[in-house]
């Protein structure tokens, strides 16, 4: 599913993208959450992207906490695929998820 979304993302990028960074997979252990660690690591990641000539960063969020953090950090949703529209071999793939997230989102943030 992630590969499908990555392949489609290019269709939604603005024309002023020079170089695109891609943020992927950040998790902080339960015992260390709520200390600003993920925000700090994300800021360092953004700085590294800028240092390497990237003017945008993209990500894909699949759980509610990631989606909320991305919004808080200024990401805008490029497109969203609701869970109730994802079927594999005719069967609904994602239902009754523990975190109540409603789908997969491709997101973009301008760095400068």
PDB file of N, CA and C in Angstrom:
ATOM      1  N   UNK A   1       0.820  -1.188   0.000  1.00  0.00           N
ATOM      2  CA  UNK A   1       0.000   0.000   0.000  1.00  0.00           C
ATOM      3  C   UNK A   1       0.868   1.257   0.000  1.00  0.00           C
ATOM      4  N   UNK A   2       1.949   1.227   0.794  1.00  0.00           N
ATOM      5  CA  UNK A   2       2.830   2.396   0.840  1.00  0.00           C
ATOM      6  C   UNK A   2       3.460   2.637  -0.526  1.00  0.00           C
ATOM      7  N   UNK A   3       3.895   1.578  -1.186  1.00  0.00           N
ATOM      8  CA  UNK A   3       4.495   1.732  -2.521  1.00  0.00           C
ATOM      9  C   UNK A   3       3.482   2.334  -3.496  1.00  0.00           C
ATOM     10  N   UNK A   4       2.240   1.928  -3.420  1.00  0.00           N
ATOM     11  CA  UNK A   4       1.188   2.487  -4.275  1.00  0.00           C
ATOM     12  C   UNK A   4       1.051   3.987  -4.035  1.00  0.00           C
ATOM     13  N   UNK A   5       1.022   4.376  -2.778  1.00  0.00           N
ATOM     14  CA  UNK A   5       0.869   5.797  -2.457  1.00  0.00           C
ATOM     15  C   UNK A   5       2.096   6.593  -2.896  1.00  0.00           C
ATOM     16  N   UNK A   6       3.290   6.031  -2.691  1.00  0.00           N
ATOM     17  CA  UNK A   6       4.506   6.722  -3.120  1.00  0.00           C
ATOM     18  C   UNK A   6       4.502   6.935  -4.631  1.00  0.00           C
ATOM     19  N   UNK A   7       4.043   5.940  -5.374  1.00  0.00           N
ATOM     20  CA  UNK A   7       3.995   6.050  -6.839  1.00  0.00           C
ATOM     21  C   UNK A   7       3.011   7.121  -7.304  1.00  0.00           C
ATOM     22  N   UNK A   8       1.960   7.353  -6.550  1.00  0.00           N
ATOM     23  CA  UNK A   8       0.946   8.338  -6.925  1.00  0.00           C
ATOM     24  C   UNK A   8       1.283   9.746  -6.459  1.00  0.00           C
ATOM     25  N   UNK A   9       2.133   9.860  -5.461  1.00  0.00           N
ATOM     26  CA  UNK A   9       2.408  11.151  -4.834  1.00  0.00           C
ATOM     27  C   UNK A   9       2.905  12.198  -5.830  1.00  0.00           C
ATOM     28  N   UNK A  10       3.725  11.802  -6.767  1.00  0.00           N
ATOM     29  CA  UNK A  10       4.285  12.742  -7.734  1.00  0.00           C
ATOM     30  C   UNK A  10       3.237  13.502  -8.526  1.00  0.00           C
ATOM     31  N   UNK A  11       2.086  12.913  -8.710  1.00  0.00           N
ATOM     32  CA  UNK A  11       1.004  13.559  -9.459  1.00  0.00           C
ATOM     33  C   UNK A  11       0.427  14.767  -8.725  1.00  0.00           C
ATOM     34  N   UNK A  12       0.691  14.862  -7.421  1.00  0.00           N
ATOM     35  CA  UNK A  12       0.071  15.900  -6.595  1.00  0.00           C
ATOM     36  C   UNK A  12       1.060  16.960  -6.123  1.00  0.00           C
ATOM     37  N   UNK A  13       2.321  16.851  -6.527  1.00  0.00           N
ATOM     38  CA  UNK A  13       3.333  17.788  -6.048  1.00  0.00           C
ATOM     39  C   UNK A  13       3.218  19.132  -6.749  1.00  0.00           C
ATOM     40  N   UNK A  14       3.469  20.224  -6.028  1.00  0.00           N
ATOM     41  CA  UNK A  14       3.449  21.552  -6.653  1.00  0.00           C
ATOM     42  C   UNK A  14       4.634  21.725  -7.605  1.00  0.00           C
ATOM     43  N   UNK A  15       4.524  22.669  -8.505  1.00  0.00           N
ATOM     44  CA  UNK A  15       5.544  22.849  -9.541  1.00  0.00           C
ATOM     45  C   UNK A  15       6.866  23.404  -9.012  1.00  0.00           C
ATOM     46  N   UNK A  16       6.876  23.974  -7.809  1.00  0.00           N
ATOM     47  CA  UNK A  16       8.113  24.553  -7.292  1.00  0.00           C
ATOM     48  C   UNK A  16       8.971  23.581  -6.471  1.00  0.00           C
ATOM     49  N   UNK A  17       8.656  22.281  -6.521  1.00  0.00           N
ATOM     50  CA  UNK A  17       9.484  21.293  -5.821  1.00  0.00           C
ATOM     51  C   UNK A  17      10.810  21.169  -6.556  1.00  0.00           C
ATOM     52  N   UNK A  18      11.917  21.459  -5.851  1.00  0.00           N
ATOM     53  CA  UNK A  18      13.266  21.294  -6.405  1.00  0.00           C
ATOM     54  C   UNK A  18      13.789  19.903  -6.071  1.00  0.00           C
ATOM     55  N   UNK A  19      13.862  19.639  -4.794  1.00  0.00           N
ATOM     56  CA  UNK A  19      14.273  18.334  -4.278  1.00  0.00           C
ATOM     57  C   UNK A  19      13.325  17.969  -3.150  1.00  0.00           C
ATOM     58  N   UNK A  20      12.904  16.727  -3.122  1.00  0.00           N
ATOM     59  CA  UNK A  20      11.912  16.261  -2.163  1.00  0.00           C
ATOM     60  C   UNK A  20      12.545  15.300  -1.177  1.00  0.00           C
ATOM     61  N   UNK A  21      12.438  15.621   0.101  1.00  0.00           N
ATOM     62  CA  UNK A  21      12.847  14.690   1.156  1.00  0.00           C
ATOM     63  C   UNK A  21      11.634  13.836   1.509  1.00  0.00           C
ATOM     64  N   UNK A  22      11.893  12.655   2.017  1.00  0.00           N
ATOM     65  CA  UNK A  22      10.808  11.750   2.385  1.00  0.00           C
ATOM     66  C   UNK A  22      11.023  11.297   3.826  1.00  0.00           C
ATOM     67  N   UNK A  23      10.115  11.646   4.710  1.00  0.00           N
ATOM     68  CA  UNK A  23      10.189  11.248   6.118  1.00  0.00           C
ATOM     69  C   UNK A  23       9.480   9.912   6.278  1.00  0.00           C
ATOM     70  N   UNK A  24      10.149   8.995   6.960  1.00  0.00           N
ATOM     71  CA  UNK A  24       9.592   7.656   7.049  1.00  0.00           C
ATOM     72  C   UNK A  24       9.845   7.049   8.427  1.00  0.00           C
ATOM     73  N   UNK A  25       8.844   6.454   8.986  1.00  0.00           N
ATOM     74  CA  UNK A  25       8.949   5.592  10.159  1.00  0.00           C
ATOM     75  C   UNK A  25       9.619   6.144  11.396  1.00  0.00           C
ATOM     76  N   UNK A  26       8.897   6.905  12.183  1.00  0.00           N
ATOM     77  CA  UNK A  26       9.407   7.401  13.455  1.00  0.00           C
ATOM     78  C   UNK A  26       8.543   6.840  14.569  1.00  0.00           C
ATOM     79  N   UNK A  27       9.182   6.197  15.536  1.00  0.00           N
ATOM     80  CA  UNK A  27       8.449   5.650  16.675  1.00  0.00           C
ATOM     81  C   UNK A  27       9.257   5.893  17.941  1.00  0.00           C
ATOM     82  N   UNK A  28       8.594   6.373  18.963  1.00  0.00           N
ATOM     83  CA  UNK A  28       9.215   6.571  20.266  1.00  0.00           C
ATOM     84  C   UNK A  28       8.563   5.587  21.239  1.00  0.00           C
ATOM     85  N   UNK A  29       9.377   4.837  21.956  1.00  0.00           N
ATOM     86  CA  UNK A  29       8.887   3.857  22.927  1.00  0.00           C
ATOM     87  C   UNK A  29       7.930   4.521  23.913  1.00  0.00           C
ATOM     88  N   UNK A  30       6.921   3.779  24.330  1.00  0.00           N
ATOM     89  CA  UNK A  30       5.884   4.300  25.228  1.00  0.00           C
ATOM     90  C   UNK A  30       6.451   5.021  26.452  1.00  0.00           C
ATOM     91  N   UNK A  31       7.506   4.497  27.040  1.00  0.00           N
ATOM     92  CA  UNK A  31       8.075   5.081  28.256  1.00  0.00           C
ATOM     93  C   UNK A  31       8.681   6.472  28.022  1.00  0.00           C
ATOM     94  N   UNK A  32       8.974   6.792  26.770  1.00  0.00           N
ATOM     95  CA  UNK A  32       9.645   8.052  26.473  1.00  0.00           C
ATOM     96  C   UNK A  32       8.785   9.016  25.653  1.00  0.00           C
ATOM     97  N   UNK A  33       7.519   8.669  25.475  1.00  0.00           N
ATOM     98  CA  UNK A  33       6.625   9.564  24.764  1.00  0.00           C
ATOM     99  C   UNK A  33       6.235  10.743  25.650  1.00  0.00           C
ATOM    100  N   UNK A  34       5.819  11.825  25.020  1.00  0.00           N
ATOM    101  CA  UNK A  34       5.395  13.060  25.691  1.00  0.00           C
ATOM    102  C   UNK A  34       6.573  13.887  26.224  1.00  0.00           C
ATOM    103  N   UNK A  35       7.787  13.618  25.702  1.00  0.00           N
ATOM    104  CA  UNK A  35       8.958  14.416  26.066  1.00  0.00           C
ATOM    105  C   UNK A  35       9.456  15.266  24.903  1.00  0.00           C
ATOM    106  N   UNK A  36       8.740  15.261  23.796  1.00  0.00           N
ATOM    107  CA  UNK A  36       9.139  16.063  22.643  1.00  0.00           C
ATOM    108  C   UNK A  36      10.207  15.421  21.778  1.00  0.00           C
ATOM    109  N   UNK A  37      10.459  14.134  21.985  1.00  0.00           N
ATOM    110  CA  UNK A  37      11.520  13.451  21.239  1.00  0.00           C
ATOM    111  C   UNK A  37      11.196  13.376  19.755  1.00  0.00           C
ATOM    112  N   UNK A  38       9.979  12.986  19.418  1.00  0.00           N
ATOM    113  CA  UNK A  38       9.628  12.861  17.995  1.00  0.00           C
ATOM    114  C   UNK A  38       9.650  14.221  17.303  1.00  0.00           C
ATOM    115  N   UNK A  39       9.203  15.256  18.004  1.00  0.00           N
ATOM    116  CA  UNK A  39       9.239  16.595  17.418  1.00  0.00           C
ATOM    117  C   UNK A  39      10.680  17.036  17.178  1.00  0.00           C
ATOM    118  N   UNK A  40      11.547  16.774  18.160  1.00  0.00           N
ATOM    119  CA  UNK A  40      12.954  17.139  18.017  1.00  0.00           C
ATOM    120  C   UNK A  40      13.590  16.409  16.829  1.00  0.00           C
ATOM    121  N   UNK A  41      13.385  15.089  16.765  1.00  0.00           N
ATOM    122  CA  UNK A  41      13.961  14.309  15.669  1.00  0.00           C
ATOM    123  C   UNK A  41      13.426  14.770  14.314  1.00  0.00           C
ATOM    124  N   UNK A  42      12.154  15.134  14.268  1.00  0.00           N
ATOM    125  CA  UNK A  42      11.564  15.628  13.030  1.00  0.00           C
ATOM    126  C   UNK A  42      12.191  16.959  12.610  1.00  0.00           C
ATOM    127  N   UNK A  43      12.442  17.834  13.577  1.00  0.00           N
ATOM    128  CA  UNK A  43      13.084  19.116  13.271  1.00  0.00           C
ATOM    129  C   UNK A  43      14.509  18.910  12.767  1.00  0.00           C
ATOM    130  N   UNK A  44      15.249  17.996  13.389  1.00  0.00           N
ATOM    131  CA  UNK A  44      16.605  17.686  12.931  1.00  0.00           C
ATOM    132  C   UNK A  44      16.558  17.119  11.509  1.00  0.00           C
ATOM    133  N   UNK A  45      15.591  16.271  11.258  1.00  0.00           N
ATOM    134  CA  UNK A  45      15.417  15.691   9.918  1.00  0.00           C
ATOM    135  C   UNK A  45      15.131  16.774   8.885  1.00  0.00           C
ATOM    136  N   UNK A  46      14.265  17.727   9.234  1.00  0.00           N
ATOM    137  CA  UNK A  46      13.970  18.842   8.328  1.00  0.00           C
ATOM    138  C   UNK A  46      15.239  19.652   8.048  1.00  0.00           C
ATOM    139  N   UNK A  47      16.020  19.919   9.093  1.00  0.00           N
ATOM    140  CA  UNK A  47      17.266  20.675   8.914  1.00  0.00           C
ATOM    141  C   UNK A  47      18.233  19.943   7.990  1.00  0.00           C
ATOM    142  N   UNK A  48      18.340  18.630   8.147  1.00  0.00           N
ATOM    143  CA  UNK A  48      19.207  17.836   7.260  1.00  0.00           C
ATOM    144  C   UNK A  48      18.716  17.897   5.814  1.00  0.00           C
ATOM    145  N   UNK A  49      17.414  17.826   5.644  1.00  0.00           N
ATOM    146  CA  UNK A  49      16.844  17.911   4.293  1.00  0.00           C
ATOM    147  C   UNK A  49      17.190  19.255   3.655  1.00  0.00           C
ATOM    148  N   UNK A  50      17.041  20.340   4.409  1.00  0.00           N
ATOM    149  CA  UNK A  50      17.377  21.668   3.895  1.00  0.00           C
ATOM    150  C   UNK A  50      18.860  21.739   3.555  1.00  0.00           C
ATOM    151  N   UNK A  51      19.711  21.199   4.437  1.00  0.00           N
ATOM    152  CA  UNK A  51      21.155  21.192   4.188  1.00  0.00           C
ATOM    153  C   UNK A  51      21.519  20.457   2.903  1.00  0.00           C
ATOM    154  N   UNK A  52      20.663  19.514   2.506  1.00  0.00           N
ATOM    155  CA  UNK A  52      20.908  18.744   1.280  1.00  0.00           C
ATOM    156  C   UNK A  52      20.103  19.271   0.086  1.00  0.00           C
ATOM    157  N   UNK A  53      19.593  20.480   0.198  1.00  0.00           N
ATOM    158  CA  UNK A  53      18.942  21.135  -0.930  1.00  0.00           C
ATOM    159  C   UNK A  53      17.481  20.807  -1.152  1.00  0.00           C
ATOM    160  N   UNK A  54      16.832  20.175  -0.188  1.00  0.00           N
ATOM    161  CA  UNK A  54      15.407  19.850  -0.328  1.00  0.00           C
ATOM    162  C   UNK A  54      14.561  21.038   0.125  1.00  0.00           C
ATOM    163  N   UNK A  55      13.558  21.364  -0.675  1.00  0.00           N
ATOM    164  CA  UNK A  55      12.669  22.456  -0.276  1.00  0.00           C
ATOM    165  C   UNK A  55      11.291  21.957   0.176  1.00  0.00           C
ATOM    166  N   UNK A  56      11.035  20.686   0.072  1.00  0.00           N
ATOM    167  CA  UNK A  56       9.802  20.070   0.566  1.00  0.00           C
ATOM    168  C   UNK A  56      10.145  18.739   1.224  1.00  0.00           C
ATOM    169  N   UNK A  57       9.275  18.323   2.133  1.00  0.00           N
ATOM    170  CA  UNK A  57       9.366  16.994   2.721  1.00  0.00           C
ATOM    171  C   UNK A  57       7.973  16.364   2.642  1.00  0.00           C
ATOM    172  N   UNK A  58       7.944  15.079   2.321  1.00  0.00           N
ATOM    173  CA  UNK A  58       6.686  14.328   2.204  1.00  0.00           C
ATOM    174  C   UNK A  58       6.695  13.173   3.200  1.00  0.00           C
ATOM    175  N   UNK A  59       5.506  12.725   3.567  1.00  0.00           N
ATOM    176  CA  UNK A  59       5.377  11.518   4.377  1.00  0.00           C
ATOM    177  C   UNK A  59       4.042  10.855   4.087  1.00  0.00           C
ATOM    178  N   UNK A  60       3.914   9.636   4.569  1.00  0.00           N
ATOM    179  CA  UNK A  60       2.646   8.906   4.490  1.00  0.00           C
ATOM    180  C   UNK A  60       2.280   8.532   5.916  1.00  0.00           C
ATOM    181  N   UNK A  61       1.073   8.877   6.325  1.00  0.00           N
ATOM    182  CA  UNK A  61       0.628   8.543   7.677  1.00  0.00           C
ATOM    183  C   UNK A  61      -0.489   7.506   7.602  1.00  0.00           C
ATOM    184  N   UNK A  62      -0.408   6.550   8.531  1.00  0.00           N
ATOM    185  CA  UNK A  62      -1.394   5.472   8.542  1.00  0.00           C
ATOM    186  C   UNK A  62      -2.029   5.278   9.911  1.00  0.00           C
ATOM    187  N   UNK A  63      -1.517   5.952  10.929  1.00  0.00           N
ATOM    188  CA  UNK A  63      -2.134   5.870  12.246  1.00  0.00           C
ATOM    189  C   UNK A  63      -2.498   7.278  12.715  1.00  0.00           C
ATOM    190  N   UNK A  64      -3.464   7.362  13.596  1.00  0.00           N
ATOM    191  CA  UNK A  64      -4.003   8.651  14.025  1.00  0.00           C
ATOM    192  C   UNK A  64      -2.934   9.562  14.616  1.00  0.00           C
ATOM    193  N   UNK A  65      -2.038   9.030  15.453  1.00  0.00           N
ATOM    194  CA  UNK A  65      -1.015   9.867  16.087  1.00  0.00           C
ATOM    195  C   UNK A  65      -0.085  10.490  15.049  1.00  0.00           C
ATOM    196  N   UNK A  66       0.300   9.732  14.030  1.00  0.00           N
ATOM    197  CA  UNK A  66       1.171  10.261  12.975  1.00  0.00           C
ATOM    198  C   UNK A  66       0.465  11.347  12.181  1.00  0.00           C
ATOM    199  N   UNK A  67      -0.786  11.117  11.891  1.00  0.00           N
ATOM    200  CA  UNK A  67      -1.561  12.097  11.134  1.00  0.00           C
ATOM    201  C   UNK A  67      -1.667  13.406  11.909  1.00  0.00           C
ATOM    202  N   UNK A  68      -1.964  13.311  13.192  1.00  0.00           N
ATOM    203  CA  UNK A  68      -2.087  14.512  14.025  1.00  0.00           C
ATOM    204  C   UNK A  68      -0.754  15.239  14.166  1.00  0.00           C
ATOM    205  N   UNK A  69       0.331  14.481  14.344  1.00  0.00           N
ATOM    206  CA  UNK A  69       1.645  15.109  14.469  1.00  0.00           C
ATOM    207  C   UNK A  69       2.026  15.819  13.174  1.00  0.00           C
ATOM    208  N   UNK A  70       1.732  15.198  12.045  1.00  0.00           N
ATOM    209  CA  UNK A  70       2.034  15.824  10.756  1.00  0.00           C
ATOM    210  C   UNK A  70       1.272  17.128  10.586  1.00  0.00           C
ATOM    211  N   UNK A  71       0.006  17.124  10.932  1.00  0.00           N
ATOM    212  CA  UNK A  71      -0.793  18.357  10.841  1.00  0.00           C
ATOM    213  C   UNK A  71      -0.215  19.436  11.743  1.00  0.00           C
ATOM    214  N   UNK A  72       0.159  19.041  12.961  1.00  0.00           N
ATOM    215  CA  UNK A  72       0.722  19.980  13.921  1.00  0.00           C
ATOM    216  C   UNK A  72       2.043  20.585  13.415  1.00  0.00           C
ATOM    217  N   UNK A  73       2.788  19.806  12.642  1.00  0.00           N
ATOM    218  CA  UNK A  73       4.074  20.260  12.116  1.00  0.00           C
ATOM    219  C   UNK A  73       3.936  21.003  10.794  1.00  0.00           C
ATOM    220  N   UNK A  74       2.720  21.213  10.318  1.00  0.00           N
ATOM    221  CA  UNK A  74       2.510  22.022   9.121  1.00  0.00           C
ATOM    222  C   UNK A  74       2.360  21.264   7.820  1.00  0.00           C
ATOM    223  N   UNK A  75       2.258  19.946   7.877  1.00  0.00           N
ATOM    224  CA  UNK A  75       2.039  19.167   6.662  1.00  0.00           C
ATOM    225  C   UNK A  75       0.608  19.372   6.169  1.00  0.00           C
ATOM    226  N   UNK A  76       0.438  19.402   4.869  1.00  0.00           N
ATOM    227  CA  UNK A  76      -0.878  19.473   4.236  1.00  0.00           C
ATOM    228  C   UNK A  76      -1.116  18.143   3.519  1.00  0.00           C
ATOM    229  N   UNK A  77      -2.341  17.665   3.560  1.00  0.00           N
ATOM    230  CA  UNK A  77      -2.667  16.395   2.915  1.00  0.00           C
ATOM    231  C   UNK A  77      -2.758  16.578   1.404  1.00  0.00           C
ATOM    232  N   UNK A  78      -1.973  15.772   0.667  1.00  0.00           N
ATOM    233  CA  UNK A  78      -2.047  15.769  -0.803  1.00  0.00           C
ATOM    234  C   UNK A  78      -3.241  14.944  -1.263  1.00  0.00           C
ATOM    235  N   UNK A  79      -3.375  13.756  -0.698  1.00  0.00           N
ATOM    236  CA  UNK A  79      -4.537  12.912  -0.974  1.00  0.00           C
ATOM    237  C   UNK A  79      -4.699  11.914   0.167  1.00  0.00           C
ATOM    238  N   UNK A  80      -5.904  11.377   0.274  1.00  0.00           N
ATOM    239  CA  UNK A  80      -6.270  10.485   1.368  1.00  0.00           C
ATOM    240  C   UNK A  80      -7.042   9.304   0.796  1.00  0.00           C
ATOM    241  N   UNK A  81      -6.715   8.113   1.249  1.00  0.00           N
ATOM    242  CA  UNK A  81      -7.458   6.912   0.843  1.00  0.00           C
ATOM    243  C   UNK A  81      -8.126   6.341   2.089  1.00  0.00           C
ATOM    244  N   UNK A  82      -9.453   6.445   2.173  1.00  0.00           N
ATOM    245  CA  UNK A  82     -10.161   5.929   3.346  1.00  0.00           C
ATOM    246  C   UNK A  82     -10.030   4.412   3.468  1.00  0.00           C
ATOM    247  N   UNK A  83      -9.931   3.938   4.690  1.00  0.00           N
ATOM    248  CA  UNK A  83      -9.816   2.494   4.926  1.00  0.00           C
ATOM    249  C   UNK A  83     -10.982   1.709   4.344  1.00  0.00           C
ATOM    250  N   UNK A  84     -12.162   2.302   4.306  1.00  0.00           N
ATOM    251  CA  UNK A  84     -13.322   1.564   3.799  1.00  0.00           C
ATOM    252  C   UNK A  84     -13.334   1.448   2.272  1.00  0.00           C
ATOM    253  N   UNK A  85     -12.274   1.933   1.627  1.00  0.00           N
ATOM    254  CA  UNK A  85     -12.142   1.790   0.175  1.00  0.00           C
ATOM    255  C   UNK A  85     -10.959   0.906  -0.218  1.00  0.00           C
ATOM    256  N   UNK A  86     -10.324   0.269   0.761  1.00  0.00           N
ATOM    257  CA  UNK A  86      -9.153  -0.564   0.481  1.00  0.00           C
ATOM    258  C   UNK A  86      -9.549  -2.031   0.578  1.00  0.00           C
ATOM    259  N   UNK A  87      -9.597  -2.653  -0.586  1.00  0.00           N
ATOM    260  CA  UNK A  87      -9.957  -4.061  -0.682  1.00  0.00           C
ATOM    261  C   UNK A  87      -8.796  -4.847  -1.268  1.00  0.00           C
ATOM    262  N   UNK A  88      -8.590  -6.059  -0.760  1.00  0.00           N
ATOM    263  CA  UNK A  88      -7.594  -6.973  -1.301  1.00  0.00           C
ATOM    264  C   UNK A  88      -8.310  -8.272  -1.616  1.00  0.00           C
ATOM    265  N   UNK A  89      -8.266  -8.666  -2.872  1.00  0.00           N
ATOM    266  CA  UNK A  89      -8.966  -9.867  -3.340  1.00  0.00           C
ATOM    267  C   UNK A  89     -10.440  -9.850  -2.944  1.00  0.00           C
ATOM    268  N   UNK A  90     -11.054  -8.685  -3.050  1.00  0.00           N
ATOM    269  CA  UNK A  90     -12.479  -8.535  -2.787  1.00  0.00           C
ATOM    270  C   UNK A  90     -12.868  -8.381  -1.322  1.00  0.00           C
ATOM    271  N   UNK A  91     -11.890  -8.436  -0.427  1.00  0.00           N
ATOM    272  CA  UNK A  91     -12.202  -8.321   1.003  1.00  0.00           C
ATOM    273  C   UNK A  91     -11.680  -6.991   1.552  1.00  0.00           C
ATOM    274  N   UNK A  92     -12.487  -6.375   2.398  1.00  0.00           N
ATOM    275  CA  UNK A  92     -12.076  -5.144   3.050  1.00  0.00           C
ATOM    276  C   UNK A  92     -10.843  -5.431   3.894  1.00  0.00           C
ATOM    277  N   UNK A  93      -9.764  -4.690   3.653  1.00  0.00           N
ATOM    278  CA  UNK A  93      -8.480  -4.990   4.282  1.00  0.00           C
ATOM    279  C   UNK A  93      -8.357  -4.416   5.694  1.00  0.00           C
ATOM    280  N   UNK A  94      -8.783  -3.188   5.906  1.00  0.00           N
ATOM    281  CA  UNK A  94      -8.589  -2.526   7.199  1.00  0.00           C
ATOM    282  C   UNK A  94      -9.941  -2.195   7.823  1.00  0.00           C
ATOM    283  N   UNK A  95     -10.230  -2.826   8.953  1.00  0.00           N
ATOM    284  CA  UNK A  95     -11.457  -2.522   9.677  1.00  0.00           C
ATOM    285  C   UNK A  95     -11.212  -2.770  11.163  1.00  0.00           C
ATOM    286  N   UNK A  96     -11.948  -2.059  11.979  1.00  0.00           N
ATOM    287  CA  UNK A  96     -11.843  -2.185  13.435  1.00  0.00           C
ATOM    288  C   UNK A  96     -10.413  -1.962  13.920  1.00  0.00           C
ATOM    289  N   UNK A  97      -9.783  -0.891  13.450  1.00  0.00           N
ATOM    290  CA  UNK A  97      -8.415  -0.600  13.856  1.00  0.00           C
ATOM    291  C   UNK A  97      -8.376  -0.067  15.281  1.00  0.00           C
ATOM    292  N   UNK A  98      -7.344  -0.412  16.010  1.00  0.00           N
ATOM    293  CA  UNK A  98      -7.239  -0.044  17.430  1.00  0.00           C
ATOM    294  C   UNK A  98      -7.187   1.458  17.658  1.00  0.00           C
ATOM    295  N   UNK A  99      -6.611   2.198  16.722  1.00  0.00           N
ATOM    296  CA  UNK A  99      -6.460   3.641  16.962  1.00  0.00           C
ATOM    297  C   UNK A  99      -7.544   4.473  16.281  1.00  0.00           C
ATOM    298  N   UNK A 100      -8.470   3.835  15.605  1.00  0.00           N
ATOM    299  CA  UNK A 100      -9.605   4.507  14.963  1.00  0.00           C
ATOM    300  C   UNK A 100      -9.218   5.410  13.797  1.00  0.00           C
ATOM    301  N   UNK A 101      -7.983   5.272  13.271  1.00  0.00           N
ATOM    302  CA  UNK A 101      -7.608   6.073  12.109  1.00  0.00           C
ATOM    303  C   UNK A 101      -8.501   5.687  10.937  1.00  0.00           C
ATOM    304  N   UNK A 102      -8.843   6.654  10.108  1.00  0.00           N
ATOM    305  CA  UNK A 102      -9.821   6.395   9.045  1.00  0.00           C
ATOM    306  C   UNK A 102      -9.216   6.181   7.664  1.00  0.00           C
ATOM    307  N   UNK A 103      -7.876   6.160   7.565  1.00  0.00           N
ATOM    308  CA  UNK A 103      -7.297   5.914   6.255  1.00  0.00           C
ATOM    309  C   UNK A 103      -5.828   6.262   6.169  1.00  0.00           C
ATOM    310  N   UNK A 104      -5.341   6.255   4.950  1.00  0.00           N
ATOM    311  CA  UNK A 104      -3.943   6.520   4.638  1.00  0.00           C
ATOM    312  C   UNK A 104      -3.849   7.895   3.986  1.00  0.00           C
ATOM    313  N   UNK A 105      -2.892   8.703   4.427  1.00  0.00           N
ATOM    314  CA  UNK A 105      -2.748  10.059   3.884  1.00  0.00           C
ATOM    315  C   UNK A 105      -1.329  10.281   3.374  1.00  0.00           C
ATOM    316  N   UNK A 106      -1.235  10.885   2.199  1.00  0.00           N
ATOM    317  CA  UNK A 106       0.049  11.359   1.676  1.00  0.00           C
ATOM    318  C   UNK A 106       0.098  12.853   1.992  1.00  0.00           C
ATOM    319  N   UNK A 107       1.180  13.287   2.631  1.00  0.00           N
ATOM    320  CA  UNK A 107       1.268  14.642   3.160  1.00  0.00           C
ATOM    321  C   UNK A 107       2.523  15.342   2.651  1.00  0.00           C
ATOM    322  N   UNK A 108       2.475  16.676   2.619  1.00  0.00           N
ATOM    323  CA  UNK A 108       3.589  17.455   2.114  1.00  0.00           C
ATOM    324  C   UNK A 108       3.744  18.722   2.936  1.00  0.00           C
ATOM    325  N   UNK A 109       5.020  19.099   3.177  1.00  0.00           N
ATOM    326  CA  UNK A 109       5.308  20.342   3.895  1.00  0.00           C
ATOM    327  C   UNK A 109       6.432  21.074   3.170  1.00  0.00           C
ATOM    328  N   UNK A 110       6.249  22.375   2.987  1.00  0.00           N
ATOM    329  CA  UNK A 110       7.278  23.208   2.392  1.00  0.00           C
ATOM    330  C   UNK A 110       8.288  23.568   3.470  1.00  0.00           C
ATOM    331  N   UNK A 111       9.571  23.362   3.177  1.00  0.00           N
ATOM    332  CA  UNK A 111      10.621  23.634   4.145  1.00  0.00           C
ATOM    333  C   UNK A 111      11.086  25.080   4.085  1.00  0.00           C
ATOM    334  N   UNK A 112      11.159  25.630   2.898  1.00  0.00           N
ATOM    335  CA  UNK A 112      11.535  27.044   2.736  1.00  0.00           C
ATOM    336  C   UNK A 112      10.994  27.578   1.444  1.00  0.00           C
TER     337      UNK A 112
END
